[in-house]
Amino acid sequence: MSEVVLQTHGAGYDRILSLTDFSVREGEHVALIGPNGAGKSTLLRLLAGLISPTEGEIVLEGTLLSTLSRPAVAREIAWLSQTDDVTPEFIVEDYIALGRLPFRGTPQAQQNTVARQTAIQYFRVEPFLKRSIGSLSGGERQRVMLARCLAQTPKILLLDEPTNHLDLAARAELLSLLRDLPLTIVAVLHDLSFVPDFAPRTLLMRDGKIILDGASSEVLLSSELGHAFGLNVHSVQLDDGSTTFVFRPRGA
């Protein structure tokens, strides 16, 4: 079994997030879901070291996250918020290069060119390297943001609603690219229908607490999810033998 790379011990944040214990293993993909105000973004920010827990602790590969410098954390964890504010005039290739800043002055800086090129090729952003961020479509912009994250060569990728404001085709394309990455990924996902294809494991949050942690299909069909979202959930088998989920408001 792969080793635990990131975990919380009784981590809480003011009145937003209650005491939380969970761990993520190397290479694991985890979806974080819950209604608005459940504490999802707060938990992700704690894991990224952007805010400090008011109670408990976060441990990154056996080391307290609070004892590490920001560059040291950034060499292990890449973070993408749902509201990354980037100057529209920023040129794409310069923005992606920012992913290598944590390695400035380290031996790993020798890998800068290879790391950038690998990220550019993986997220297929070569055609607009010379363009400005502001000239991109929503899907192109998200791929550029993720290329910057991948250029960091992180072990862990934390994503806060990476498909926000994208159309269905762009969402499917982006999650397909993410699904095939051999990294540990924890992602807040808004569209529940994409959860099973992206993550084998799902955490359901409500009122600042993790109320369910299990296999994605089981979480999606649980009474806890139906209660948290006010939904009836149905599992439907498609002609090709795969399974999808249909969500309907209760009482509809």
Foldseek 3Di string as FASTA:
>chain_A
DAAWFKWWALFAADQQAGGDTDTFGFQAEEEEEFDPSLCPVVVLCCRLVVDDGPDTFMAGRNHTPVVDDNLVSLLAEFEDAPDDDDDQQAALLVLLLVLCVSCVPHPCNVCQVVLLVVLCVLLVLVVRRGPGLNVDDLLSNLSSSVSSSSSSVHQEYEEEASCPPHDPVSVVVVLVSQQPDSHHYYYHHDDLQCVLVRHQWYFYGGSNYGPDIHGSVDVQCDPVVCVRVQWHKDWDQDPVRDITIDIDHPPD
